Amino acid sequence: MKLVVVVGTGTEVGKTWVSARLLRDLRAEGHEVSARKPAQSFDPDDRSTDAHVLARATGEDPADVCPRHRWYPVAMAPPMAAEALGRPRFTVDDLAAETIWPVPPPALGLAETAGGVRSPHATDGDAVSYVEALQPEVVLVVADAGLGTINGTRLTLEALDRGAHVATPLVFLNRFDAADELHRRNKAWLDAHLDVEVIVTVAGLVRWFDPWLAPQR
């Protein structure tokens, strides 16, 4: 199984939407895929969680995507939500140990983190810590295409680069509008100044992942 971890430059940049679309489209191309969300926090009034969205994309059960004891109905970072609810503390190693994939393994396993790359994921670590624990081949950085994306993308990549694990980074500019001059200029700047591939459409992501997964067919 090839493994990708999805991180974001912040909250509400669209990590779950991008992950679900990518998984759905790769599945339509004939690839077996699986999704995991190590922990999720959400508004108690939400009728659908990230685990539900990812499960619909892969055909899995939401409780397999994210273990039920890691569902925290408080809109805070997961370890903060656990504390607010009076539930047990947990570590990055706990989350990594609970990231269990189907047997036999799919061609692609995708694990989606919560919040920004430096958002707390456990009592002792953040998304960078989780990436280091999982050792993925690819880290997909989701950023909004608009104002602030250059700063957020650079800081996220620098945080990942300072970690102990080296993975291939990809950047996806979500909500990219080719008619928007700022979006076009943001992409052009990132292309010119970063040694990282910047992709702006889900179809482009599928084209990148499809040959990478082809030997697993």
Foldseek 3Di string as FASTA:
>chain_A
DAEEEEFELFAPLCRLVLLLLLLLVLVVVVFQEEAAELADEEAPPDPDGSLNSNCVSRVHDSCLRYPPVRYQNDPAASQVSCVVVVHDFDDLVVSLVSNDADPVHTLYYYYYYHTHQQGDNGPPGGNLSNCVSNQGQEYEYRYALAPPRLVSVVVRVVVNVPHPHDHQYAYEHEPQDPVDPSSVVSQVVCVVPPPHHYHYDSVVVNVVVVVVSVVVD
